[in-house]
Amino acid sequence: IEVKEKSGARRFESLLSNETATRLIYLSIGAIVIALVFRHLQFATGSICCGDYDGYYHIEWSRLLWEGMKHGHFPPAFNWLPLTTLDQNGYVDHHLLFHILQIPFTWFGNLTLGAKVSATLFGSLAVFSCYWLIVRYRISYTLIWLLALLACSGAFLYRLNMAKAPPIAIIFMVAGVYLLFEKKYWILAPLMFLFAWTYSLFPTLLFAAVIWSAIIAWSERRFEWRPIVWTLAGMIAGLVINPYFPKNIWLFIEHARMKLTAGEFTTAVGQEWYPYDSWVFLSNCAIACVAMVVGYIAFNGSDRKRSARSLFFLIFSTILMFATFKSRRFVEYWPPFAILFAAFSLQQVF
């Protein structure tokens, strides 16, 4: 019996070793392919991709932030736009952590090159984080899903190359989803703290926590309060323990009031906040749309515990899809989660 147990243990260790090696191979292939795609897209032009000027502001402000930090001024004064609500007294850097992460790319000497390298790296990491979830949860046909992530939407790839904060937001979302799935709820607090310092879309992580708590109530018939409490605690801490407090809260409320209003905006906003024309939307997001249809058809909620993850992606990706119907800027978030929805739903079929 002892010999059989030792033999079984060795076979089990061998299987684990083989599985780990297989995962590393898949992850390596994915990292290389994703990086090559983003490098090609970003360096197909000499300017910061893709016809958007915000990337120049972000990299220059990162440089000014670094200069201020070296001279003991954090955050530095914002002396521009004096006739707007973003004058020196009203300015809030709601991308603060993103700008800090960009600082090493200001050391290139050429800020445009630094921004392009930054966009390539962060965009690649955003898509890779979604691919990592597929590998981590042993989703069948791994490389097919890699191709789907890279083909899900031309507009998605376009916007991820703009040297802006959304790729970091996707990484935070994916990290939050993983922590929810693994029930490591307390880590959501520091994650949300950092997210609140990085980008104003941090409430998506709170929505994810609420969705997951509702799914736990549905699948396990109990109220799981910890995801909501830890995420909310991290959000409050990130907003209050902030060099721009309390102006950051007022700016967030003003943005939400203006851009989440029903109907037309009271004042003109950036083109990204207006909806796509229907055919433009379908042509830009054909694969993501197909993935949503496939996910809806394949979803099977008969086994509540087994379907919890796919149900999460059903709800989360549907919310992001309707947000994209209203404002084209959400196309930088919805398509990869549409692919994840299809992948996790089809896994039950496979």
Protein backbone atom coordinates (compact mmCIF):
# COMPACT_ATOMS: atom_id res chain seq x y z
CA ILE A 1 0.00 0.00 0.00
CA GLU A 2 2.84 2.37 0.86
CA VAL A 3 4.55 1.68 -2.49
CA LYS A 4 1.29 2.37 -4.34
CA GLU A 5 0.80 5.63 -2.43
CA LYS A 6 4.31 6.79 -3.27
CA SER A 7 3.80 5.83 -6.92
CA GLY A 8 0.51 7.71 -7.00
CA ALA A 9 2.11 10.76 -5.41
CA ARG A 10 4.87 10.74 -8.03
CA ARG A 11 2.33 10.51 -10.87
CA PHE A 12 0.36 13.38 -9.34
CA GLU A 13 3.50 15.53 -9.07
CA SER A 14 4.35 14.64 -12.66
CA LEU A 15 0.89 15.72 -13.81
CA LEU A 16 1.20 19.00 -11.92
CA SER A 17 4.62 19.59 -13.45
CA ASN A 18 3.33 18.89 -16.95
CA GLU A 19 0.32 21.17 -16.42
CA THR A 20 2.54 23.97 -15.13
CA ALA A 21 4.85 23.59 -18.14
CA THR A 22 1.88 23.67 -20.50
CA ARG A 23 0.53 26.82 -18.89
CA LEU A 24 3.91 28.52 -19.15
CA ILE A 25 4.09 27.64 -22.84
CA TYR A 26 0.61 29.04 -23.50
CA LEU A 27 1.36 32.18 -21.49
CA SER A 28 4.67 32.70 -23.28
CA ILE A 29 3.03 32.33 -26.70
CA GLY A 30 0.30 34.75 -25.69
CA ALA A 31 2.71 37.34 -24.30
CA ILE A 32 4.85 37.30 -27.45
CA VAL A 33 1.93 37.46 -29.90
CA ILE A 34 0.11 40.22 -27.99
CA ALA A 35 3.29 42.31 -27.65
CA LEU A 36 4.05 41.97 -31.37
CA VAL A 37 0.53 43.06 -32.32
CA PHE A 38 0.61 46.13 -30.08
CA ARG A 39 4.13 47.04 -31.17
CA HIS A 40 3.08 46.86 -34.82
CA LEU A 41 -0.03 48.99 -34.25
CA GLN A 42 1.72 51.62 -32.13
CA PHE A 43 4.80 52.02 -34.32
CA ALA A 44 2.90 52.01 -37.61
CA THR A 45 2.95 55.80 -37.16
CA GLY A 46 5.58 58.17 -35.85
CA SER A 47 3.14 59.98 -33.57
CA ILE A 48 1.33 58.71 -30.50
CA CYS A 49 -1.45 56.47 -31.77
CA CYS A 50 -4.17 57.09 -32.81
CA GLY A 51 -4.98 60.67 -33.73
CA ASP A 52 -5.74 61.58 -30.12
CA TYR A 53 -3.94 64.41 -28.31
CA ASP A 54 -4.53 63.27 -24.74
CA GLY A 55 -1.47 61.02 -24.82
CA TYR A 56 0.78 64.07 -25.18
CA TYR A 57 -0.78 65.67 -22.12
CA HIS A 58 -0.38 62.50 -20.05
CA ILE A 59 3.30 61.96 -20.84
CA GLU A 60 4.16 65.65 -20.34
CA TRP A 61 2.32 65.79 -17.03
CA SER A 62 4.18 62.64 -15.93
CA ARG A 63 7.42 64.49 -16.68
CA LEU A 64 6.29 67.54 -14.72
CA LEU A 65 5.19 65.29 -11.88
CA TRP A 66 8.66 63.73 -11.75
CA GLU A 67 10.33 67.15 -11.84
CA GLY A 68 8.10 68.33 -9.00
CA MET A 69 8.85 65.22 -6.93
CA LYS A 70 12.58 65.76 -7.36
CA HIS A 71 12.24 69.30 -6.04
CA GLY A 72 9.88 68.43 -3.19
CA HIS A 73 6.65 69.59 -4.86
CA PHE A 74 3.99 66.89 -4.86
CA PRO A 75 1.75 67.31 -6.62
CA PRO A 76 3.11 70.20 -8.69
CA ALA A 77 1.00 73.24 -9.49
CA PHE A 78 -1.10 73.11 -12.65
CA ASN A 79 -0.71 76.57 -14.19
CA TRP A 80 -2.66 76.06 -17.40
CA LEU A 81 -6.34 76.47 -18.37
CA PRO A 82 -6.80 79.48 -16.05
CA LEU A 83 -10.20 80.38 -17.49
CA THR A 84 -11.73 76.93 -16.90
CA THR A 85 -12.79 74.82 -13.92
CA LEU A 86 -9.37 73.15 -14.22
CA ASP A 87 -7.43 76.23 -13.19
CA GLN A 88 -4.70 76.03 -10.55
CA ASN A 89 -7.21 76.00 -7.70
CA GLY A 90 -9.62 73.51 -9.26
CA TYR A 91 -7.29 71.07 -11.00
CA VAL A 92 -7.49 67.42 -9.96
CA ASP A 93 -5.25 64.69 -11.36
CA HIS A 94 -7.70 61.79 -11.43
CA HIS A 95 -5.08 59.73 -13.30
CA LEU A 96 -2.45 60.23 -10.60
CA LEU A 97 -1.16 56.66 -10.25
CA PHE A 98 -1.19 56.23 -14.04
CA HIS A 99 0.98 59.31 -14.36
CA ILE A 100 3.34 57.95 -11.70
CA LEU A 101 3.57 54.64 -13.60
CA GLN A 102 4.45 56.61 -16.73
CA ILE A 103 7.36 58.44 -15.10
CA PRO A 104 10.06 55.91 -16.14
CA PHE A 105 9.00 56.40 -19.76
CA THR A 106 9.80 60.11 -19.50
CA TRP A 107 13.47 59.22 -19.06
CA PHE A 108 13.81 58.23 -22.73
CA GLY A 109 14.70 61.79 -23.70
CA ASN A 110 12.02 61.70 -26.39
CA LEU A 111 8.59 62.00 -24.74
CA THR A 112 6.73 60.82 -27.82
CA LEU A 113 8.81 57.64 -27.93
CA GLY A 114 8.33 57.18 -24.20
CA ALA A 115 4.55 57.47 -24.54
CA LYS A 116 4.54 55.00 -27.43
CA VAL A 117 6.54 52.44 -25.46
CA SER A 118 4.28 53.01 -22.46
CA ALA A 119 1.14 52.48 -24.57
CA THR A 120 2.59 49.33 -26.10
CA LEU A 121 3.47 47.86 -22.71
CA PHE A 122 0.26 48.76 -20.86
CA GLY A 123 -1.99 47.80 -23.78
CA SER A 124 -0.23 44.45 -24.09
CA LEU A 125 -0.56 43.81 -20.35
CA ALA A 126 -4.29 44.63 -20.46
CA VAL A 127 -5.03 42.04 -23.15
CA PHE A 128 -2.58 39.58 -21.56
CA SER A 129 -4.41 39.85 -18.22
CA CYS A 130 -7.65 38.71 -19.93
CA TYR A 131 -5.77 35.89 -21.66
CA TRP A 132 -4.19 34.93 -18.33
CA LEU A 133 -7.68 34.37 -16.87
CA ILE A 134 -8.40 31.93 -19.69
CA VAL A 135 -5.19 30.02 -19.03
CA ARG A 136 -5.60 30.17 -15.25
CA TYR A 137 -9.06 28.59 -15.36
CA ARG A 138 -8.09 25.95 -17.93
CA ILE A 139 -10.49 27.14 -20.62
CA SER A 140 -10.41 24.79 -23.62
CA TYR A 141 -9.03 25.92 -27.00
CA THR A 142 -6.75 28.48 -25.39
CA LEU A 143 -5.13 29.80 -28.55
CA ILE A 144 -8.51 30.27 -30.24
CA TRP A 145 -9.51 32.57 -27.39
CA LEU A 146 -6.20 34.42 -27.73
CA LEU A 147 -7.06 35.08 -31.37
CA ALA A 148 -10.57 36.15 -30.36
CA LEU A 149 -9.20 38.67 -27.83
CA LEU A 150 -6.97 40.22 -30.49
CA ALA A 151 -9.78 40.28 -33.06
CA CYS A 152 -12.69 41.23 -30.79
CA SER A 153 -12.86 44.86 -31.92
CA GLY A 154 -10.80 47.19 -34.04
CA ALA A 155 -12.02 50.13 -31.97
CA PHE A 156 -10.88 48.36 -28.81
CA LEU A 157 -7.31 47.98 -30.11
CA TYR A 158 -7.44 51.53 -31.46
CA ARG A 159 -8.34 53.05 -28.09
CA LEU A 160 -5.95 50.88 -26.10
CA ASN A 161 -3.07 52.34 -28.12
CA MET A 162 -3.81 55.97 -27.18
CA ALA A 163 -1.28 56.18 -24.29
CA LYS A 164 -4.06 56.73 -21.77
CA ALA A 165 -5.21 55.06 -18.54
CA PRO A 166 -7.87 52.53 -19.74
CA PRO A 167 -5.40 49.62 -20.16
CA ILE A 168 -4.48 49.98 -16.48
CA ALA A 169 -8.19 50.05 -15.63
CA ILE A 170 -8.68 46.72 -17.45
CA ILE A 171 -5.82 45.20 -15.46
CA PHE A 172 -7.45 46.34 -12.22
CA MET A 173 -10.80 44.90 -13.34
CA VAL A 174 -9.30 41.53 -14.22
CA ALA A 175 -7.36 41.42 -10.95
CA GLY A 176 -10.59 42.19 -9.09
CA VAL A 177 -12.47 39.45 -10.95
CA TYR A 178 -9.76 36.94 -10.04
CA LEU A 179 -9.89 37.94 -6.36
CA LEU A 180 -13.68 37.56 -6.38
CA PHE A 181 -13.50 34.13 -8.01
CA GLU A 182 -10.84 32.98 -5.54
CA LYS A 183 -12.70 34.55 -2.58
CA LYS A 184 -9.65 36.56 -1.51
CA TYR A 185 -11.88 39.42 -0.59
CA TRP A 186 -9.69 41.44 1.77
CA ILE A 187 -7.17 42.10 -1.02
CA LEU A 188 -9.92 44.01 -2.83
CA ALA A 189 -9.40 46.89 -0.38
CA PRO A 190 -5.80 47.77 -1.40
CA LEU A 191 -6.63 47.00 -5.03
CA MET A 192 -9.54 49.43 -4.97
CA PHE A 193 -7.41 52.03 -3.18
CA LEU A 194 -4.90 51.94 -6.05
CA PHE A 195 -7.67 51.91 -8.66
CA ALA A 196 -9.23 55.05 -7.15
CA TRP A 197 -5.83 56.76 -7.52
CA THR A 198 -5.48 55.61 -11.12
CA TYR A 199 -8.67 56.35 -13.03
CA SER A 200 -12.20 57.60 -12.52
CA LEU A 201 -13.73 54.33 -13.72
CA PHE A 202 -12.95 52.68 -10.38
CA PRO A 203 -16.70 52.20 -9.55
CA THR A 204 -16.72 49.29 -12.03
CA LEU A 205 -14.88 47.22 -9.41
CA LEU A 206 -17.56 48.02 -6.85
CA PHE A 207 -20.24 46.99 -9.37
CA ALA A 208 -18.33 43.73 -9.90
CA ALA A 209 -18.32 43.08 -6.14
CA VAL A 210 -22.07 43.70 -5.92
CA ILE A 211 -22.70 41.37 -8.86
CA TRP A 212 -20.57 38.64 -7.28
CA SER A 213 -22.35 38.96 -3.93
CA ALA A 214 -25.70 38.60 -5.72
CA ILE A 215 -24.43 35.52 -7.56
CA ILE A 216 -23.24 33.96 -4.29
CA ALA A 217 -26.70 34.61 -2.85
CA TRP A 218 -28.23 32.88 -5.90
CA SER A 219 -25.84 29.90 -6.05
CA GLU A 220 -25.15 29.28 -2.36
CA ARG A 221 -28.25 30.85 -0.78
CA ARG A 222 -26.32 33.08 1.60
CA PHE A 223 -25.43 36.77 1.75
CA GLU A 224 -21.70 37.29 1.14
CA TRP A 225 -21.05 40.82 2.38
CA ARG A 226 -17.25 40.83 2.37
CA PRO A 227 -16.65 41.69 -1.33
CA ILE A 228 -18.84 44.78 -1.05
CA VAL A 229 -17.45 45.93 2.31
CA TRP A 230 -13.77 45.49 1.42
CA THR A 231 -14.20 47.13 -2.00
CA LEU A 232 -16.15 50.01 -0.53
CA ALA A 233 -13.53 50.48 2.20
CA GLY A 234 -10.76 50.64 -0.40
CA MET A 235 -12.72 53.12 -2.51
CA ILE A 236 -13.39 55.46 0.42
CA ALA A 237 -9.75 55.27 1.53
CA GLY A 238 -8.53 55.98 -2.02
CA LEU A 239 -10.75 59.04 -2.30
CA VAL A 240 -10.01 60.45 1.16
CA ILE A 241 -6.30 59.60 1.46
CA ASN A 242 -5.58 61.58 -1.67
CA PRO A 243 -3.49 64.73 -2.28
CA TYR A 244 -6.46 66.29 -4.09
CA PHE A 245 -9.07 65.60 -1.38
CA PRO A 246 -11.82 66.88 -1.27
CA LYS A 247 -11.67 68.42 -4.77
CA ASN A 248 -11.37 64.94 -6.30
CA ILE A 249 -14.77 63.95 -4.90
CA TRP A 250 -16.48 67.07 -6.26
CA LEU A 251 -14.90 66.50 -9.68
CA PHE A 252 -16.05 62.88 -9.71
CA ILE A 253 -19.61 63.90 -8.81
CA GLU A 254 -19.60 66.57 -11.52
CA HIS A 255 -18.34 64.10 -14.15
CA ALA A 256 -20.93 61.52 -13.13
CA ARG A 257 -23.76 64.06 -13.11
CA MET A 258 -22.92 65.37 -16.56
CA LYS A 259 -21.98 62.17 -18.37
CA LEU A 260 -24.41 59.67 -16.87
CA THR A 261 -27.45 61.84 -17.44
CA ALA A 262 -30.25 60.48 -19.60
CA GLY A 263 -30.75 62.09 -23.00
CA GLU A 264 -28.52 64.78 -24.48
CA PHE A 265 -25.65 66.34 -22.56
CA THR A 266 -26.33 69.80 -21.18
CA THR A 267 -22.95 70.93 -22.49
CA ALA A 268 -20.85 69.55 -25.30
CA VAL A 269 -18.43 66.80 -24.28
CA GLY A 270 -15.78 64.80 -26.12
CA GLN A 271 -16.90 62.77 -29.14
CA GLU A 272 -16.09 59.55 -27.27
CA TRP A 273 -19.07 60.14 -24.96
CA TYR A 274 -21.59 59.98 -27.81
CA PRO A 275 -22.97 56.69 -29.23
CA TYR A 276 -21.84 54.89 -32.38
CA ASP A 277 -24.02 54.70 -35.45
CA SER A 278 -25.45 51.18 -35.53
CA TRP A 279 -23.55 49.89 -38.57
CA VAL A 280 -20.31 51.47 -37.41
CA PHE A 281 -20.75 49.74 -34.06
CA LEU A 282 -21.41 46.34 -35.65
CA SER A 283 -18.49 46.62 -38.06
CA ASN A 284 -16.12 47.72 -35.29
CA CYS A 285 -17.24 45.07 -32.79
CA ALA A 286 -18.43 42.13 -34.92
CA ILE A 287 -16.47 39.46 -33.03
CA ALA A 288 -17.49 40.86 -29.64
CA CYS A 289 -21.15 40.84 -30.74
CA VAL A 290 -20.87 37.24 -31.92
CA ALA A 291 -19.22 36.32 -28.61
CA MET A 292 -22.14 37.80 -26.67
CA VAL A 293 -24.67 35.83 -28.74
CA VAL A 294 -22.65 32.62 -28.31
CA GLY A 295 -22.35 33.25 -24.58
CA TYR A 296 -26.09 33.80 -24.17
CA ILE A 297 -26.88 30.59 -26.08
CA ALA A 298 -24.25 28.48 -24.31
CA PHE A 299 -24.96 29.70 -20.78
CA ASN A 300 -26.48 26.99 -18.60
CA GLY A 301 -27.56 27.95 -15.10
CA SER A 302 -28.94 24.56 -14.06
CA ASP A 303 -25.88 23.86 -11.91
CA ARG A 304 -25.74 27.04 -9.88
CA LYS A 305 -22.25 26.63 -8.41
CA ARG A 306 -20.61 25.59 -11.68
CA SER A 307 -22.23 28.42 -13.61
CA ALA A 308 -21.34 31.19 -11.10
CA ARG A 309 -18.33 32.48 -13.05
CA SER A 310 -20.04 32.45 -16.43
CA LEU A 311 -23.08 34.16 -14.87
CA PHE A 312 -20.79 36.87 -13.53
CA PHE A 313 -19.40 37.54 -17.00
CA LEU A 314 -22.92 37.45 -18.45
CA ILE A 315 -24.06 40.26 -16.16
CA PHE A 316 -20.82 42.26 -16.17
CA SER A 317 -20.29 42.14 -19.95
CA THR A 318 -23.97 42.94 -20.61
CA ILE A 319 -23.72 46.07 -18.46
CA LEU A 320 -20.58 47.12 -20.33
CA MET A 321 -22.28 46.40 -23.66
CA PHE A 322 -25.22 48.69 -22.84
CA ALA A 323 -22.75 51.34 -21.66
CA THR A 324 -21.05 51.05 -25.07
CA PHE A 325 -24.43 51.53 -26.78
CA LYS A 326 -24.69 54.87 -24.98
CA SER A 327 -21.05 56.05 -25.20
CA ARG A 328 -18.45 54.80 -27.63
CA ARG A 329 -15.67 55.24 -25.07
CA PHE A 330 -16.75 52.01 -23.30
CA VAL A 331 -15.62 50.08 -26.35
CA GLU A 332 -12.23 50.02 -24.67
CA TYR A 333 -13.68 47.79 -21.92
CA TRP A 334 -16.61 45.74 -23.22
CA PRO A 335 -15.12 43.61 -26.08
CA PRO A 336 -12.55 41.59 -24.04
CA PHE A 337 -15.15 40.83 -21.38
CA ALA A 338 -17.53 39.69 -24.12
CA ILE A 339 -14.87 37.18 -25.16
CA LEU A 340 -14.41 36.05 -21.55
CA PHE A 341 -18.18 35.60 -21.26
CA ALA A 342 -18.26 33.34 -24.31
CA ALA A 343 -15.16 31.42 -23.15
CA PHE A 344 -16.47 30.67 -19.66
CA SER A 345 -19.98 29.82 -20.91
CA LEU A 346 -18.73 27.46 -23.61
CA GLN A 347 -16.42 25.75 -21.12
CA GLN A 348 -19.50 24.17 -19.52
CA VAL A 349 -20.46 22.79 -22.95
CA PHE A 350 -16.95 21.52 -23.67
